[in-house]
C-alpha atoms as a PDB file:
ATOM      1  CA  MET A   1      80.850  95.750  55.996  1.00  0.00           C
ATOM      2  CA  SER A   2      81.072  92.060  55.911  1.00  0.00           C
ATOM      3  CA  GLN A   3      79.108  89.371  58.389  1.00  0.00           C
ATOM      4  CA  ASP A   4      80.674  86.905  61.126  1.00  0.00           C
ATOM      5  CA  ALA A   5      79.110  83.252  61.395  1.00  0.00           C
ATOM      6  CA  ALA A   6      75.977  84.533  62.972  1.00  0.00           C
ATOM      7  CA  GLY A   7      75.317  86.749  60.211  1.00  0.00           C
ATOM      8  CA  LYS A   8      75.863  90.036  62.276  1.00  0.00           C
ATOM      9  CA  GLU A   9      77.601  92.868  60.112  1.00  0.00           C
ATOM     10  CA  ILE A  10      81.222  93.509  61.133  1.00  0.00           C
ATOM     11  CA  ALA A  11      83.090  96.884  60.368  1.00  0.00           C
ATOM     12  CA  MET A  12      85.747  96.620  58.468  1.00  0.00           C
ATOM     13  CA  LYS A  13      88.895  98.454  59.463  1.00  0.00           C
ATOM     14  CA  PRO A  14      89.665 101.183  56.970  1.00  0.00           C
ATOM     15  CA  THR A  15      92.459 100.429  54.656  1.00  0.00           C
ATOM     16  CA  ILE A  16      95.139 102.334  52.845  1.00  0.00           C
ATOM     17  CA  ARG A  17      92.981 102.268  49.588  1.00  0.00           C
ATOM     18  CA  ASP A  18      90.148 103.739  51.578  1.00  0.00           C
ATOM     19  CA  VAL A  19      92.210 106.687  52.733  1.00  0.00           C
ATOM     20  CA  ALA A  20      93.457 107.462  49.215  1.00  0.00           C
ATOM     21  CA  ASN A  21      90.124 107.350  47.782  1.00  0.00           C
ATOM     22  CA  MET A  22      88.518 109.727  50.078  1.00  0.00           C
ATOM     23  CA  ALA A  23      91.552 111.992  49.671  1.00  0.00           C
ATOM     24  CA  GLY A  24      91.418 111.653  46.083  1.00  0.00           C
ATOM     25  CA  VAL A  25      94.963 110.644  45.452  1.00  0.00           C
ATOM     26  CA  SER A  26      96.968 107.521  44.698  1.00  0.00           C
ATOM     27  CA  ILE A  27      97.893 104.717  47.165  1.00  0.00           C
ATOM     28  CA  SER A  28     101.808 105.708  46.799  1.00  0.00           C
ATOM     29  CA  THR A  29     100.958 109.208  47.995  1.00  0.00           C
ATOM     30  CA  VAL A  30      99.320 108.320  51.120  1.00  0.00           C
ATOM     31  CA  SER A  31     102.344 105.841  51.796  1.00  0.00           C
ATOM     32  CA  ARG A  32     104.773 109.003  51.210  1.00  0.00           C
ATOM     33  CA  VAL A  33     102.724 111.104  53.305  1.00  0.00           C
ATOM     34  CA  MET A  34     103.307 108.676  56.259  1.00  0.00           C
ATOM     35  CA  ASN A  35     106.910 107.818  55.343  1.00  0.00           C
ATOM     36  CA  ALA A  36     108.294 111.049  53.735  1.00  0.00           C
ATOM     37  CA  PRO A  37     105.826 113.907  54.156  1.00  0.00           C
ATOM     38  CA  GLN A  38     108.405 116.467  53.011  1.00  0.00           C
ATOM     39  CA  THR A  39     107.957 114.829  49.483  1.00  0.00           C
ATOM     40  CA  VAL A  40     104.292 115.574  49.163  1.00  0.00           C
ATOM     41  CA  VAL A  41     102.966 119.158  48.231  1.00  0.00           C
ATOM     42  CA  GLU A  42     101.058 120.773  51.344  1.00  0.00           C
ATOM     43  CA  SER A  43      97.546 120.426  49.665  1.00  0.00           C
ATOM     44  CA  LYS A  44      97.758 116.834  49.110  1.00  0.00           C
ATOM     45  CA  ARG A  45      99.415 116.145  52.446  1.00  0.00           C
ATOM     46  CA  LEU A  46      96.625 118.095  54.385  1.00  0.00           C
ATOM     47  CA  ARG A  47      93.874 115.910  52.679  1.00  0.00           C
ATOM     48  CA  VAL A  48      95.731 112.465  53.157  1.00  0.00           C
ATOM     49  CA  LEU A  49      96.065 113.699  56.998  1.00  0.00           C
ATOM     50  CA  GLU A  50      92.233 114.670  57.334  1.00  0.00           C
ATOM     51  CA  ALA A  51      91.350 111.009  55.458  1.00  0.00           C
ATOM     52  CA  ILE A  52      93.469 109.389  58.140  1.00  0.00           C
ATOM     53  CA  GLU A  53      91.927 111.386  60.973  1.00  0.00           C
ATOM     54  CA  LYS A  54      88.365 110.838  59.769  1.00  0.00           C
ATOM     55  CA  LEU A  55      88.674 107.118  58.806  1.00  0.00           C
ATOM     56  CA  LYS A  56      90.864 106.416  62.068  1.00  0.00           C
ATOM     57  CA  TYR A  57      93.457 104.652  59.960  1.00  0.00           C
ATOM     58  CA  GLN A  58      96.294 103.294  62.078  1.00  0.00           C
ATOM     59  CA  PRO A  59      98.262 100.468  60.020  1.00  0.00           C
ATOM     60  CA  ASN A  60     100.893 101.048  62.316  1.00  0.00           C
ATOM     61  CA  GLY A  61     102.227 103.964  64.927  1.00  0.00           C
ATOM     62  CA  PHE A  62     103.292 106.265  61.779  1.00  0.00           C
ATOM     63  CA  ALA A  63      99.718 107.673  61.216  1.00  0.00           C
ATOM     64  CA  ARG A  64      99.083 108.356  65.066  1.00  0.00           C
ATOM     65  CA  GLY A  65     102.404 110.326  65.012  1.00  0.00           C
ATOM     66  CA  LEU A  66     101.217 112.437  62.074  1.00  0.00           C
ATOM     67  CA  ILE A  67      97.937 113.343  63.707  1.00  0.00           C
ATOM     68  CA  TYR A  68      99.363 114.026  67.021  1.00  0.00           C
ATOM     69  CA  LYS A  69     102.838 115.027  66.038  1.00  0.00           C
ATOM     70  CA  LYS A  70     104.356 112.446  68.473  1.00  0.00           C
ATOM     71  CA  SER A  71     105.428 109.053  67.938  1.00  0.00           C
ATOM     72  CA  ASN A  72     106.582 107.889  71.448  1.00  0.00           C
ATOM     73  CA  THR A  73     109.713 106.428  69.483  1.00  0.00           C
ATOM     74  CA  ILE A  74     113.493 107.509  70.365  1.00  0.00           C
ATOM     75  CA  GLY A  75     116.337 106.784  67.701  1.00  0.00           C
ATOM     76  CA  VAL A  76     119.443 105.934  69.531  1.00  0.00           C
ATOM     77  CA  MET A  77     123.018 105.767  67.627  1.00  0.00           C
ATOM     78  CA  ILE A  78     125.117 103.344  68.965  1.00  0.00           C
ATOM     79  CA  PRO A  79     128.923 103.238  67.811  1.00  0.00           C
ATOM     80  CA  ASP A  80     129.471  99.485  68.329  1.00  0.00           C
ATOM     81  CA  ILE A  81     126.869  97.211  69.200  1.00  0.00           C
ATOM     82  CA  GLU A  82     129.400  94.527  69.713  1.00  0.00           C
ATOM     83  CA  SER A  83     131.359  96.398  72.497  1.00  0.00           C
ATOM     84  CA  MET A  84     130.855  95.261  75.909  1.00  0.00           C
ATOM     85  CA  TYR A  85     130.367  98.781  77.305  1.00  0.00           C
ATOM     86  CA  TYR A  86     127.338  99.421  75.545  1.00  0.00           C
ATOM     87  CA  ALA A  87     125.227  96.622  77.263  1.00  0.00           C
ATOM     88  CA  GLY A  88     124.770  98.504  80.111  1.00  0.00           C
ATOM     89  CA  LEU A  89     124.108 101.865  78.677  1.00  0.00           C
ATOM     90  CA  ILE A  90     121.369 100.180  76.593  1.00  0.00           C
ATOM     91  CA  ARG A  91     119.939  98.546  79.455  1.00  0.00           C
ATOM     92  CA  GLY A  92     119.676 101.648  81.358  1.00  0.00           C
ATOM     93  CA  MET A  93     117.850 103.384  78.007  1.00  0.00           C
ATOM     94  CA  GLN A  94     115.561 100.459  77.632  1.00  0.00           C
ATOM     95  CA  ASP A  95     114.306 100.822  81.495  1.00  0.00           C
ATOM     96  CA  ALA A  96     113.627 104.389  81.162  1.00  0.00           C
ATOM     97  CA  ALA A  97     112.216 104.108  77.951  1.00  0.00           C
ATOM     98  CA  VAL A  98     109.551 101.531  79.556  1.00  0.00           C
ATOM     99  CA  GLN A  99     108.913 103.685  82.382  1.00  0.00           C
ATOM    100  CA  LEU A 100     108.298 106.615  79.922  1.00  0.00           C
ATOM    101  CA  ASN A 101     106.160 104.325  77.434  1.00  0.00           C
ATOM    102  CA  CYS A 102     108.524 105.124  74.842  1.00  0.00           C
ATOM    103  CA  SER A 103     110.022 102.494  72.109  1.00  0.00           C
ATOM    104  CA  LEU A 104     113.479 102.788  70.970  1.00  0.00           C
ATOM    105  CA  MET A 105     115.025 102.312  67.806  1.00  0.00           C
ATOM    106  CA  PHE A 106     118.643 101.066  67.812  1.00  0.00           C
ATOM    107  CA  CYS A 107     121.213 101.739  64.615  1.00  0.00           C
ATOM    108  CA  ASN A 108     124.612 100.604  64.670  1.00  0.00           C
ATOM    109  CA  THR A 109     126.827 103.298  63.127  1.00  0.00           C
ATOM    110  CA  ASP A 110     130.483 101.523  63.282  1.00  0.00           C
ATOM    111  CA  ARG A 111     131.735 104.824  63.523  1.00  0.00           C
ATOM    112  CA  ASP A 112     130.825 105.397  59.422  1.00  0.00           C
ATOM    113  CA  LYS A 113     130.047 108.903  58.866  1.00  0.00           C
ATOM    114  CA  ASP A 114     127.819 108.395  55.966  1.00  0.00           C
ATOM    115  CA  ARG A 115     125.967 105.579  57.660  1.00  0.00           C
ATOM    116  CA  LEU A 116     125.354 108.007  60.621  1.00  0.00           C
ATOM    117  CA  LEU A 117     123.955 110.696  58.504  1.00  0.00           C
ATOM    118  CA  SER A 118     121.882 108.103  56.519  1.00  0.00           C
ATOM    119  CA  TYR A 119     120.613 106.788  60.104  1.00  0.00           C
ATOM    120  CA  ILE A 120     119.568 110.586  60.867  1.00  0.00           C
ATOM    121  CA  GLU A 121     117.369 110.750  57.411  1.00  0.00           C
ATOM    122  CA  ASN A 122     116.016 107.498  58.456  1.00  0.00           C
ATOM    123  CA  PHE A 123     114.949 108.555  61.639  1.00  0.00           C
ATOM    124  CA  TYR A 124     113.057 111.620  60.223  1.00  0.00           C
ATOM    125  CA  GLU A 125     111.346 109.282  57.763  1.00  0.00           C
ATOM    126  CA  LYS A 126     110.114 107.383  60.943  1.00  0.00           C
ATOM    127  CA  GLN A 127     108.828 110.405  62.429  1.00  0.00           C
ATOM    128  CA  VAL A 128     110.965 109.524  66.021  1.00  0.00           C
ATOM    129  CA  ASP A 129     110.524 112.181  68.817  1.00  0.00           C
ATOM    130  CA  GLY A 130     114.019 112.614  69.406  1.00  0.00           C
ATOM    131  CA  ILE A 131     117.655 111.175  69.311  1.00  0.00           C
ATOM    132  CA  ILE A 132     120.228 109.867  71.605  1.00  0.00           C
ATOM    133  CA  PHE A 133     123.767 110.250  70.114  1.00  0.00           C
ATOM    134  CA  ALA A 134     126.122 107.697  72.035  1.00  0.00           C
ATOM    135  CA  SER A 135     129.604 107.840  73.084  1.00  0.00           C
ATOM    136  CA  ASP A 136     131.432 109.412  69.784  1.00  0.00           C
ATOM    137  CA  ALA A 137     132.380 113.108  69.323  1.00  0.00           C
ATOM    138  CA  LEU A 138     129.716 115.513  67.735  1.00  0.00           C
ATOM    139  CA  HIS A 139     131.227 116.368  64.533  1.00  0.00           C
ATOM    140  CA  PRO A 140     129.783 119.445  62.761  1.00  0.00           C
ATOM    141  CA  ALA A 141     128.004 117.375  59.901  1.00  0.00           C
ATOM    142  CA  TYR A 142     126.179 115.365  62.525  1.00  0.00           C
ATOM    143  CA  TYR A 143     125.020 118.512  64.497  1.00  0.00           C
ATOM    144  CA  GLU A 144     124.050 120.338  60.968  1.00  0.00           C
ATOM    145  CA  LYS A 145     121.812 117.269  59.966  1.00  0.00           C
ATOM    146  CA  MET A 146     120.154 116.669  63.125  1.00  0.00           C
ATOM    147  CA  THR A 147     119.503 120.761  63.629  1.00  0.00           C
ATOM    148  CA  ARG A 148     118.092 120.732  59.874  1.00  0.00           C
ATOM    149  CA  PHE A 149     115.724 118.239  60.978  1.00  0.00           C
ATOM    150  CA  HIS A 150     114.952 119.952  64.110  1.00  0.00           C
ATOM    151  CA  PHE A 151     115.507 116.855  65.945  1.00  0.00           C
ATOM    152  CA  PRO A 152     115.559 117.184  70.079  1.00  0.00           C
ATOM    153  CA  PHE A 153     118.859 115.270  71.021  1.00  0.00           C
ATOM    154  CA  VAL A 154     120.993 114.247  73.986  1.00  0.00           C
ATOM    155  CA  LEU A 155     124.689 113.190  73.934  1.00  0.00           C
ATOM    156  CA  ALA A 156     124.991 109.935  75.939  1.00  0.00           C
ATOM    157  CA  SER A 157     128.640 109.143  77.492  1.00  0.00           C
ATOM    158  CA  THR A 158     129.716 111.974  75.622  1.00  0.00           C
ATOM    159  CA  HIS A 159     129.797 115.537  75.691  1.00  0.00           C
ATOM    160  CA  SER A 160     130.196 118.834  73.056  1.00  0.00           C
ATOM    161  CA  LEU A 161     132.030 121.952  74.062  1.00  0.00           C
ATOM    162  CA  ASP A 162     131.296 123.498  70.688  1.00  0.00           C
ATOM    163  CA  TYR A 163     127.604 123.394  70.536  1.00  0.00           C
ATOM    164  CA  ASP A 164     125.085 123.823  73.957  1.00  0.00           C
ATOM    165  CA  ILE A 165     123.527 120.199  73.521  1.00  0.00           C
ATOM    166  CA  PRO A 166     122.381 118.519  76.635  1.00  0.00           C
ATOM    167  CA  SER A 167     124.535 115.682  77.776  1.00  0.00           C
ATOM    168  CA  VAL A 168     125.064 112.944  80.229  1.00  0.00           C
ATOM    169  CA  ASP A 169     128.608 111.686  81.071  1.00  0.00           C
ATOM    170  CA  ILE A 170     131.434 111.573  83.698  1.00  0.00           C
ATOM    171  CA  ASP A 171     134.547 113.718  84.176  1.00  0.00           C
ATOM    172  CA  ASP A 172     137.061 111.589  81.931  1.00  0.00           C
ATOM    173  CA  GLU A 173     139.880 113.750  82.954  1.00  0.00           C
ATOM    174  CA  SER A 174     139.393 113.460  86.768  1.00  0.00           C
ATOM    175  CA  ALA A 175     138.375 109.692  86.586  1.00  0.00           C
ATOM    176  CA  ALA A 176     141.741 109.154  84.581  1.00  0.00           C
ATOM    177  CA  TYR A 177     143.736 111.015  87.120  1.00  0.00           C
ATOM    178  CA  ALA A 178     142.240 108.858  89.998  1.00  0.00           C
ATOM    179  CA  ALA A 179     143.587 105.711  88.415  1.00  0.00           C
ATOM    180  CA  VAL A 180     147.332 107.001  87.769  1.00  0.00           C
ATOM    181  CA  ASP A 181     147.298 108.818  91.076  1.00  0.00           C
ATOM    182  CA  TYR A 182     146.522 105.600  92.924  1.00  0.00           C
ATOM    183  CA  LEU A 183     149.308 103.744  90.796  1.00  0.00           C
ATOM    184  CA  ALA A 184     151.803 106.381  91.728  1.00  0.00           C
ATOM    185  CA  ARG A 185     150.572 106.474  95.396  1.00  0.00           C
ATOM    186  CA  GLU A 186     151.275 102.579  95.250  1.00  0.00           C
ATOM    187  CA  GLY A 187     155.060 102.993  94.476  1.00  0.00           C
ATOM    188  CA  HIS A 188     154.844 102.536  90.683  1.00  0.00           C
ATOM    189  CA  ARG A 189     157.456 104.803  88.969  1.00  0.00           C
ATOM    190  CA  GLN A 190     157.398 103.351  85.663  1.00  0.00           C
ATOM    191  CA  ILE A 191     153.471 103.831  84.269  1.00  0.00           C
ATOM    192  CA  GLY A 192     152.330 103.737  80.744  1.00  0.00           C
ATOM    193  CA  MET A 193     149.042 104.154  79.049  1.00  0.00           C
ATOM    194  CA  ILE A 194     146.937 102.617  76.153  1.00  0.00           C
ATOM    195  CA  SER A 195     144.937 105.420  74.892  1.00  0.00           C
ATOM    196  CA  PHE A 196     142.056 106.238  72.560  1.00  0.00           C
ATOM    197  CA  PRO A 197     143.105 108.320  69.547  1.00  0.00           C
ATOM    198  CA  PHE A 198     142.517 111.839  69.941  1.00  0.00           C
ATOM    199  CA  GLY A 199     139.479 113.194  68.212  1.00  0.00           C
ATOM    200  CA  ALA A 200     137.726 110.092  67.430  1.00  0.00           C
ATOM    201  CA  MET A 201     136.338 109.846  70.823  1.00  0.00           C
ATOM    202  CA  ILE A 202     135.652 112.717  72.783  1.00  0.00           C
ATOM    203  CA  SER A 203     136.932 110.757  75.980  1.00  0.00           C
ATOM    204  CA  GLY A 204     140.238 110.232  74.205  1.00  0.00           C
ATOM    205  CA  GLN A 205     141.815 113.625  75.212  1.00  0.00           C
ATOM    206  CA  PRO A 206     140.825 114.178  78.714  1.00  0.00           C
ATOM    207  CA  ARG A 207     141.671 110.385  79.682  1.00  0.00           C
ATOM    208  CA  TYR A 208     145.130 111.320  78.286  1.00  0.00           C
ATOM    209  CA  ASP A 209     145.289 114.692  80.180  1.00  0.00           C
ATOM    210  CA  GLY A 210     144.339 112.782  83.504  1.00  0.00           C
ATOM    211  CA  PHE A 211     147.408 110.550  83.124  1.00  0.00           C
ATOM    212  CA  VAL A 212     149.738 113.575  82.432  1.00  0.00           C
ATOM    213  CA  ARG A 213     148.459 115.446  85.316  1.00  0.00           C
ATOM    214  CA  ALA A 214     148.908 112.614  87.856  1.00  0.00           C
ATOM    215  CA  LEU A 215     152.264 111.921  86.515  1.00  0.00           C
ATOM    216  CA  ARG A 216     153.255 115.548  86.822  1.00  0.00           C
ATOM    217  CA  ASP A 217     151.920 115.651  90.402  1.00  0.00           C
ATOM    218  CA  HIS A 218     153.866 112.719  91.491  1.00  0.00           C
ATOM    219  CA  GLY A 219     157.079 113.863  89.632  1.00  0.00           C
ATOM    220  CA  LEU A 220     156.855 111.356  87.013  1.00  0.00           C
ATOM    221  CA  GLU A 221     156.807 113.429  83.581  1.00  0.00           C
ATOM    222  CA  ALA A 222     158.905 111.436  81.713  1.00  0.00           C
ATOM    223  CA  CYS A 223     156.457 108.820  81.636  1.00  0.00           C
ATOM    224  CA  ALA A 224     153.968 110.929  79.515  1.00  0.00           C
ATOM    225  CA  ALA A 225     156.088 109.451  76.671  1.00  0.00           C
ATOM    226  CA  HIS A 226     155.030 106.018  77.480  1.00  0.00           C
ATOM    227  CA  VAL A 227     151.928 106.024  75.620  1.00  0.00           C
ATOM    228  CA  GLU A 228     150.475 104.045  72.472  1.00  0.00           C
ATOM    229  CA  PHE A 229     147.014 104.493  70.931  1.00  0.00           C
ATOM    230  CA  ALA A 230     144.728 101.830  69.875  1.00  0.00           C
ATOM    231  CA  GLU A 231     141.335 101.940  68.196  1.00  0.00           C
ATOM    232  CA  HIS A 232     138.384 100.746  69.755  1.00  0.00           C
ATOM    233  CA  ARG A 233     138.880  96.817  70.351  1.00  0.00           C
ATOM    234  CA  TYR A 234     140.709  94.326  72.180  1.00  0.00           C
ATOM    235  CA  GLU A 235     143.049  93.156  69.187  1.00  0.00           C
ATOM    236  CA  HIS A 236     143.714  96.733  68.503  1.00  0.00           C
ATOM    237  CA  ALA A 237     144.720  97.403  72.385  1.00  0.00           C
ATOM    238  CA  TYR A 238     146.869  93.795  72.359  1.00  0.00           C
ATOM    239  CA  GLN A 239     149.039  95.368  69.490  1.00  0.00           C
ATOM    240  CA  ALA A 240     149.380  98.802  70.865  1.00  0.00           C
ATOM    241  CA  SER A 241     150.567  96.997  74.261  1.00  0.00           C
ATOM    242  CA  ARG A 242     153.181  95.068  72.363  1.00  0.00           C
ATOM    243  CA  ARG A 243     154.567  98.215  71.015  1.00  0.00           C
ATOM    244  CA  LEU A 244     154.215  99.886  74.417  1.00  0.00           C
ATOM    245  CA  LEU A 245     156.400  97.030  75.952  1.00  0.00           C
ATOM    246  CA  GLU A 246     159.030  97.168  73.613  1.00  0.00           C
ATOM    247  CA  LYS A 247     159.282 100.828  74.019  1.00  0.00           C
ATOM    248  CA  ALA A 248     159.237 101.098  77.616  1.00  0.00           C
ATOM    249  CA  PRO A 249     160.272  97.546  78.882  1.00  0.00           C
ATOM    250  CA  ASN A 250     160.547  98.433  82.418  1.00  0.00           C
ATOM    251  CA  LEU A 251     156.944  99.461  83.097  1.00  0.00           C
ATOM    252  CA  THR A 252     155.289  98.325  86.268  1.00  0.00           C
ATOM    253  CA  ALA A 253     152.006  99.613  85.586  1.00  0.00           C
ATOM    254  CA  VAL A 254     149.598 100.078  82.580  1.00  0.00           C
ATOM    255  CA  PHE A 255     146.611 102.416  82.548  1.00  0.00           C
ATOM    256  CA  ALA A 256     144.133 101.550  80.095  1.00  0.00           C
ATOM    257  CA  ALA A 257     141.445 103.864  78.526  1.00  0.00           C
ATOM    258  CA  SER A 258     138.835 100.960  78.628  1.00  0.00           C
ATOM    259  CA  ASP A 259     138.445  97.465  80.279  1.00  0.00           C
ATOM    260  CA  GLU A 260     138.660  95.839  76.828  1.00  0.00           C
ATOM    261  CA  PHE A 261     141.811  97.820  76.586  1.00  0.00           C
ATOM    262  CA  ALA A 262     142.871  96.473  79.904  1.00  0.00           C
ATOM    263  CA  MET A 263     142.122  92.822  78.787  1.00  0.00           C
ATOM    264  CA  GLY A 264     144.273  93.399  75.539  1.00  0.00           C
ATOM    265  CA  ALA A 265     147.390  94.543  77.779  1.00  0.00           C
ATOM    266  CA  ILE A 266     147.227  91.661  80.240  1.00  0.00           C
ATOM    267  CA  THR A 267     147.294  88.992  77.337  1.00  0.00           C
ATOM    268  CA  ALA A 268     150.121  91.029  75.921  1.00  0.00           C
ATOM    269  CA  ILE A 269     151.890  91.363  79.231  1.00  0.00           C
ATOM    270  CA  GLN A 270     151.310  87.527  79.617  1.00  0.00           C
ATOM    271  CA  ASP A 271     152.658  86.476  76.198  1.00  0.00           C
ATOM    272  CA  GLY A 272     155.845  88.603  76.967  1.00  0.00           C
ATOM    273  CA  GLY A 273     156.399  86.429  79.734  1.00  0.00           C
ATOM    274  CA  ARG A 274     155.576  88.676  82.561  1.00  0.00           C
ATOM    275  CA  SER A 275     152.672  88.145  84.713  1.00  0.00           C
ATOM    276  CA  VAL A 276     149.841  90.504  86.041  1.00  0.00           C
ATOM    277  CA  PRO A 277     150.008  91.967  88.648  1.00  0.00           C
ATOM    278  CA  ASP A 278     153.350  90.650  89.984  1.00  0.00           C
ATOM    279  CA  ASP A 279     155.355  92.123  87.187  1.00  0.00           C
ATOM    280  CA  VAL A 280     153.037  94.578  85.883  1.00  0.00           C
ATOM    281  CA  SER A 281     149.614  96.368  87.404  1.00  0.00           C
ATOM    282  CA  VAL A 282     147.029  97.006  85.010  1.00  0.00           C
ATOM    283  CA  ILE A 283     144.104  99.312  85.731  1.00  0.00           C
ATOM    284  CA  GLY A 284     141.358  99.634  83.075  1.00  0.00           C
ATOM    285  CA  PHE A 285     138.205 101.924  82.724  1.00  0.00           C
ATOM    286  CA  ASP A 286     134.425 101.374  82.768  1.00  0.00           C
ATOM    287  CA  ASN A 287     133.722  98.508  84.921  1.00  0.00           C
ATOM    288  CA  ILE A 288     131.984  96.406  82.285  1.00  0.00           C
ATOM    289  CA  ARG A 289     130.338  93.336  83.658  1.00  0.00           C
ATOM    290  CA  MET A 290     133.330  91.275  82.195  1.00  0.00           C
ATOM    291  CA  ALA A 291     135.704  93.111  84.641  1.00  0.00           C
ATOM    292  CA  ASP A 292     134.788  91.123  87.585  1.00  0.00           C
ATOM    293  CA  MET A 293     134.675  87.869  85.736  1.00  0.00           C
ATOM    294  CA  TYR A 294     138.022  88.019  83.806  1.00  0.00           C
ATOM    295  CA  ILE A 295     141.225  86.656  85.318  1.00  0.00           C
ATOM    296  CA  PRO A 296     142.798  88.358  86.961  1.00  0.00           C
ATOM    297  CA  LYS A 297     139.695  90.515  87.995  1.00  0.00           C
ATOM    298  CA  LEU A 298     140.038  93.963  86.804  1.00  0.00           C
ATOM    299  CA  SER A 299     140.975  96.964  88.602  1.00  0.00           C
ATOM    300  CA  THR A 300     139.047  99.955  87.105  1.00  0.00           C
ATOM    301  CA  VAL A 301     137.618 103.187  87.067  1.00  0.00           C
ATOM    302  CA  ALA A 302     133.687 102.593  87.299  1.00  0.00           C
ATOM    303  CA  GLN A 303     131.199 104.650  85.043  1.00  0.00           C
ATOM    304  CA  PRO A 304     127.762 104.452  86.248  1.00  0.00           C
ATOM    305  CA  VAL A 305     126.836 103.500  82.769  1.00  0.00           C
ATOM    306  CA  TYR A 306     123.494 102.019  83.576  1.00  0.00           C
ATOM    307  CA  GLU A 307     122.524 105.215  85.164  1.00  0.00           C
ATOM    308  CA  ILE A 308     123.963 107.252  82.042  1.00  0.00           C
ATOM    309  CA  GLY A 309     121.394 105.480  79.981  1.00  0.00           C
ATOM    310  CA  ILE A 310     118.715 106.169  82.206  1.00  0.00           C
ATOM    311  CA  ARG A 311     119.184 109.804  82.620  1.00  0.00           C
ATOM    312  CA  ALA A 312     119.870 110.411  78.818  1.00  0.00           C
ATOM    313  CA  ILE A 313     116.490 109.147  77.966  1.00  0.00           C
ATOM    314  CA  GLN A 314     114.821 111.150  80.759  1.00  0.00           C
ATOM    315  CA  LYS A 315     116.989 114.284  79.931  1.00  0.00           C
ATOM    316  CA  LEU A 316     115.572 113.851  76.283  1.00  0.00           C
ATOM    317  CA  HIS A 317     112.017 113.446  77.437  1.00  0.00           C
ATOM    318  CA  GLU A 318     112.509 116.431  79.430  1.00  0.00           C
ATOM    319  CA  LEU A 319     113.748 118.406  76.321  1.00  0.00           C
ATOM    320  CA  ILE A 320     110.937 117.168  74.152  1.00  0.00           C
ATOM    321  CA  THR A 321     108.245 117.940  76.695  1.00  0.00           C
ATOM    322  CA  ASP A 322     109.674 121.257  78.235  1.00  0.00           C
ATOM    323  CA  GLY A 323     111.852 122.614  75.185  1.00  0.00           C
ATOM    324  CA  SER A 324     114.692 122.712  77.424  1.00  0.00           C
ATOM    325  CA  VAL A 325     116.584 120.852  80.409  1.00  0.00           C
ATOM    326  CA  LYS A 326     117.549 122.180  83.894  1.00  0.00           C
ATOM    327  CA  GLN A 327     121.134 120.829  83.475  1.00  0.00           C
ATOM    328  CA  LEU A 328     122.781 121.058  80.042  1.00  0.00           C
ATOM    329  CA  ARG A 329     125.945 119.053  80.689  1.00  0.00           C
ATOM    330  CA  GLU A 330     125.197 116.493  83.631  1.00  0.00           C
ATOM    331  CA  LYS A 331     128.140 114.577  85.129  1.00  0.00           C
ATOM    332  CA  LEU A 332     127.753 111.423  87.260  1.00  0.00           C
ATOM    333  CA  PRO A 333     130.108 110.262  89.975  1.00  0.00           C
ATOM    334  CA  HIS A 334     133.049 107.691  88.980  1.00  0.00           C
ATOM    335  CA  LYS A 335     134.655 105.342  91.293  1.00  0.00           C
ATOM    336  CA  LEU A 336     137.932 103.376  91.376  1.00  0.00           C
ATOM    337  CA  ILE A 337     137.810  99.942  92.158  1.00  0.00           C
ATOM    338  CA  ILE A 338     140.713  98.029  92.986  1.00  0.00           C
ATOM    339  CA  ARG A 339     140.753  94.032  92.515  1.00  0.00           C
ATOM    340  CA  ASP A 340     143.336  91.688  91.446  1.00  0.00           C
ATOM    341  CA  SER A 341     145.076  93.033  88.429  1.00  0.00           C
ATOM    342  CA  SER A 342     146.869  95.883  90.430  1.00  0.00           C
ATOM    343  CA  LYS A 343     148.988  95.704  93.358  1.00  0.00           C
ATOM    344  CA  PRO A 344     151.362  98.117  95.499  1.00  0.00           C
ATOM    345  CA  LEU A 345     154.969  98.176  94.379  1.00  0.00           C
ATOM    346  CA  ARG A 346     157.246  97.870  97.408  1.00  0.00           C
END
């Protein structure tokens, strides 16, 4: 006890030393119980938890989470925090988390396997209630690690056919088909694509498949060879577009697997001395905020990115609360938006 200016006694907030003394352990043991409980033998761990509860020791959210088995924190793994696509996704997640009185802990994986696996361990140490895994393919190593730690988790803007994991995304194949079908119906007969690599992102193969199916339906099978692959950024798409234009100089339209790819394609076309859309039409994918600000304004397939973020958090909350979800693989609607970067070929 201590005294204030008027001489009244004030109850002091219990410290980690008080917990250690009551439990008969060292301060470092108390810290390990709060941050890495699996490293402490059960008898000591139980004594520490009992002391925490008796003293009402709450240095942060961890102690409360250990006692009530809930931290109200969700871990979110984002492949590339710099990507324009993820701004809307993150905003949707954040707004949903506020409504559910949860906190989000974001990690930028850079699509690095070791880093991602390390983040899963960090989430375990921080006692998060569940994980949102965004955009990338769910490789077996990721699945095995998250299930070994008994994490509830949901896939956002991706899905898995190998595992029965709740997911929220769109039908990528149908969305890509809509874009290429539009180009073909508008008279284009020389159509190319800038695609994601297959396997690296779950949307790579389906968007390519939609491209090929639309070509086939319009008798344009020969255009299936007009594809170049790019990694995830504008500069990669620019180089891929240069290669595509060298391989198929008579192209009148390009379908890009993302809006950032579409911007790279437009720059490559213009640097090659042609104009968009007068010489070459370009359609992107995602409808990021920049799509309507870019010059020319991008025609694109709009994903409900904000809604995907909201539904991913809501679905994870449902999984944590009920132990299951009503709809395992949820597909939200896409929409084709035609702006200034494409025009009919007459």
